[in-house]
Amino acid sequence: QLQVVESGGGLVHPGGSLTLSCAASTFSLDYYGIGWFRQATGKKREGISCISGRDGVTAYADSVKGRFTISRDNGKNAVHLQMNDLEPEDTAVYYCATSSTMYVSSWCVVDYPGYDVWGQGTEVTVSS
């Protein structure tokens, strides 16, 4: 059974950085496409980044492009989201997701609706 867990959230000042991690304990993430989403209070869930199952294809929402970087850490069976220059508008619960349909995917699309395996989320608060 596929399960993913997010970690790394916390409180950070505007302009600061955080690195979120999406890890799996029951399977290898190596060849699964992964998406990162966030949901702020009272707002719709927003897809913000993704990485393909192979070939290292990545994509970002305009709201985070140039500030966030998604990457794989196969040695730790994890996918990281490096978030720099954080703004109060980045405050949200962040989720990672995957799907068996994303195994060895050579593409990714931010906000892909086909993810069906979700973590419990990790909260990020950007405030002075």
Foldseek 3Di string as FASTA:
>chain_A
DWAKAKDWADEAAQQAKTKMKIATDPDAQQQWKKWKWWDAPPGDIWTAKIFASDPGDMDGDPVQPPFWDWDDDRVRSIIMIIGGRDDQVPWTWMKMFTDPVRGNGPDDDGPPPPTDHIHPTDTHGYHD
